[in-house]
Amino acid sequence: MIKPIGDRVLIKINEAEEKTKGGIVLPDAAKERPHEGTVIAVGSGKRAKDGTIIPFTVKVGDNVIFGKYSGNDIELDGEKYKILAEDEILAIK
């Protein structure tokens, strides 16, 4: 597994919905990419100007919402992940 460094967070992206609320099955091209995921790993924390480490607000296992264009997408063993800075996370769900 990958271990993020600094203030970075590794997030496993949640799968897109297969059906609409009305029961219509969506083809892959029509699925909107989700902006939600589960925190898999966190780095050591952000370093303040005085050198102290600022602890993370999120923790492993938290479900989070992040910006549409935030972070970097990676794929490991067929699973989709995103690495982003903690300040790019918008909310904990």
C-alpha atoms as a PDB file:
ATOM      1  CA  MET A   1       0.000   0.000   0.000  1.00  0.00           C
ATOM      2  CA  ILE A   2       1.048   3.586  -0.524  1.00  0.00           C
ATOM      3  CA  LYS A   3       1.880   5.804   2.465  1.00  0.00           C
ATOM      4  CA  PRO A   4       1.282   9.520   1.769  1.00  0.00           C
ATOM      5  CA  ILE A   5       3.815  12.031   3.070  1.00  0.00           C
ATOM      6  CA  GLY A   6       3.369  15.420   4.732  1.00  0.00           C
ATOM      7  CA  ASP A   7      -0.184  16.734   4.693  1.00  0.00           C
ATOM      8  CA  ARG A   8      -1.355  14.315   1.980  1.00  0.00           C
ATOM      9  CA  VAL A   9      -4.250  11.866   2.304  1.00  0.00           C
ATOM     10  CA  LEU A  10      -4.920   8.652   0.332  1.00  0.00           C
ATOM     11  CA  ILE A  11      -8.607   8.198  -0.481  1.00  0.00           C
ATOM     12  CA  LYS A  12     -10.332   5.193  -2.061  1.00  0.00           C
ATOM     13  CA  ILE A  13     -12.904   6.629  -4.434  1.00  0.00           C
ATOM     14  CA  ASN A  14     -16.483   5.391  -3.950  1.00  0.00           C
ATOM     15  CA  GLU A  15     -18.022   3.666  -6.950  1.00  0.00           C
ATOM     16  CA  ALA A  16     -20.482   5.561  -9.144  1.00  0.00           C
ATOM     17  CA  GLU A  17     -24.125   4.581  -8.897  1.00  0.00           C
ATOM     18  CA  GLU A  18     -25.189   1.832 -11.320  1.00  0.00           C
ATOM     19  CA  LYS A  19     -28.846   2.920 -11.355  1.00  0.00           C
ATOM     20  CA  THR A  20     -30.755   6.157 -11.063  1.00  0.00           C
ATOM     21  CA  LYS A  21     -33.261   6.589  -8.236  1.00  0.00           C
ATOM     22  CA  GLY A  22     -35.963   5.699 -10.754  1.00  0.00           C
ATOM     23  CA  GLY A  23     -34.295   2.347 -11.492  1.00  0.00           C
ATOM     24  CA  ILE A  24     -32.717   3.138 -14.881  1.00  0.00           C
ATOM     25  CA  VAL A  25     -29.401   1.317 -15.375  1.00  0.00           C
ATOM     26  CA  LEU A  26     -26.632   3.737 -16.404  1.00  0.00           C
ATOM     27  CA  PRO A  27     -23.938   2.838 -18.955  1.00  0.00           C
ATOM     28  CA  ASP A  28     -20.319   3.537 -17.921  1.00  0.00           C
ATOM     29  CA  ALA A  29     -20.139   6.666 -20.097  1.00  0.00           C
ATOM     30  CA  ALA A  30     -23.144   8.230 -18.350  1.00  0.00           C
ATOM     31  CA  LYS A  31     -21.947   7.686 -14.791  1.00  0.00           C
ATOM     32  CA  GLU A  32     -20.838  10.845 -13.044  1.00  0.00           C
ATOM     33  CA  ARG A  33     -17.517  10.473 -11.284  1.00  0.00           C
ATOM     34  CA  PRO A  34     -18.133  10.522  -7.536  1.00  0.00           C
ATOM     35  CA  HIS A  35     -16.501  13.157  -5.354  1.00  0.00           C
ATOM     36  CA  GLU A  36     -16.660  11.012  -2.261  1.00  0.00           C
ATOM     37  CA  GLY A  37     -14.369   8.423  -0.792  1.00  0.00           C
ATOM     38  CA  THR A  38     -12.938   6.712   2.253  1.00  0.00           C
ATOM     39  CA  VAL A  39      -9.668   7.770   3.852  1.00  0.00           C
ATOM     40  CA  ILE A  40      -7.246   4.829   3.563  1.00  0.00           C
ATOM     41  CA  ALA A  41      -4.019   6.435   4.831  1.00  0.00           C
ATOM     42  CA  VAL A  42      -2.733   9.797   6.048  1.00  0.00           C
ATOM     43  CA  GLY A  43       0.721  11.347   6.032  1.00  0.00           C
ATOM     44  CA  SER A  44       2.630  12.662   9.027  1.00  0.00           C
ATOM     45  CA  GLY A  45       0.799  16.017   9.129  1.00  0.00           C
ATOM     46  CA  LYS A  46       1.341  19.582   8.000  1.00  0.00           C
ATOM     47  CA  ARG A  47       4.415  21.350   9.330  1.00  0.00           C
ATOM     48  CA  ALA A  48       3.811  24.778  10.907  1.00  0.00           C
ATOM     49  CA  LYS A  49       6.259  27.676  10.498  1.00  0.00           C
ATOM     50  CA  ASP A  50       7.751  26.953  13.931  1.00  0.00           C
ATOM     51  CA  GLY A  51       8.434  23.335  12.909  1.00  0.00           C
ATOM     52  CA  THR A  52       5.685  21.652  14.903  1.00  0.00           C
ATOM     53  CA  ILE A  53       3.441  19.105  13.220  1.00  0.00           C
ATOM     54  CA  ILE A  54      -0.250  20.029  12.919  1.00  0.00           C
ATOM     55  CA  PRO A  55      -2.348  16.857  13.371  1.00  0.00           C
ATOM     56  CA  PHE A  56      -4.933  15.804  10.794  1.00  0.00           C
ATOM     57  CA  THR A  57      -8.637  16.569  11.138  1.00  0.00           C
ATOM     58  CA  VAL A  58      -9.536  13.421   9.176  1.00  0.00           C
ATOM     59  CA  LYS A  59      -8.624   9.896  10.204  1.00  0.00           C
ATOM     60  CA  VAL A  60      -8.442   6.514   8.495  1.00  0.00           C
ATOM     61  CA  GLY A  61     -11.964   5.212   7.845  1.00  0.00           C
ATOM     62  CA  ASP A  62     -13.633   8.639   7.510  1.00  0.00           C
ATOM     63  CA  ASN A  63     -15.955   9.112   4.519  1.00  0.00           C
ATOM     64  CA  VAL A  64     -15.089  12.459   2.934  1.00  0.00           C
ATOM     65  CA  ILE A  65     -16.242  14.782   0.170  1.00  0.00           C
ATOM     66  CA  PHE A  66     -13.605  16.496  -1.974  1.00  0.00           C
ATOM     67  CA  GLY A  67     -13.525  18.956  -4.878  1.00  0.00           C
ATOM     68  CA  LYS A  68     -14.172  17.759  -8.425  1.00  0.00           C
ATOM     69  CA  TYR A  69     -10.697  18.629  -9.728  1.00  0.00           C
ATOM     70  CA  SER A  70      -8.680  18.204  -6.526  1.00  0.00           C
ATOM     71  CA  GLY A  71      -5.754  15.854  -6.014  1.00  0.00           C
ATOM     72  CA  ASN A  72      -4.176  13.278  -8.287  1.00  0.00           C
ATOM     73  CA  ASP A  73      -5.834  10.084  -9.475  1.00  0.00           C
ATOM     74  CA  ILE A  74      -3.944   6.807  -9.220  1.00  0.00           C
ATOM     75  CA  GLU A  75      -4.881   3.171  -9.796  1.00  0.00           C
ATOM     76  CA  LEU A  76      -3.458   0.247  -7.820  1.00  0.00           C
ATOM     77  CA  ASP A  77      -4.461  -3.362  -8.383  1.00  0.00           C
ATOM     78  CA  GLY A  78      -7.552  -2.257 -10.325  1.00  0.00           C
ATOM     79  CA  GLU A  79      -8.799   0.035  -7.529  1.00  0.00           C
ATOM     80  CA  LYS A  80      -9.126   3.810  -7.999  1.00  0.00           C
ATOM     81  CA  TYR A  81      -7.564   6.129  -5.443  1.00  0.00           C
ATOM     82  CA  LYS A  82      -6.900   9.828  -5.067  1.00  0.00           C
ATOM     83  CA  ILE A  83      -3.998  11.514  -3.278  1.00  0.00           C
ATOM     84  CA  LEU A  84      -4.734  15.038  -2.136  1.00  0.00           C
ATOM     85  CA  ALA A  85      -3.794  17.574   0.512  1.00  0.00           C
ATOM     86  CA  GLU A  86      -6.004  17.600   3.592  1.00  0.00           C
ATOM     87  CA  ASP A  87      -7.075  21.186   2.860  1.00  0.00           C
ATOM     88  CA  GLU A  88      -8.640  19.964  -0.422  1.00  0.00           C
ATOM     89  CA  ILE A  89     -11.148  17.871   1.575  1.00  0.00           C
ATOM     90  CA  LEU A  90     -14.415  19.792   1.840  1.00  0.00           C
ATOM     91  CA  ALA A  91     -16.301  17.771   4.474  1.00  0.00           C
ATOM     92  CA  ILE A  92     -16.457  14.592   6.513  1.00  0.00           C
ATOM     93  CA  LYS A  93     -19.648  12.680   5.791  1.00  0.00           C
END
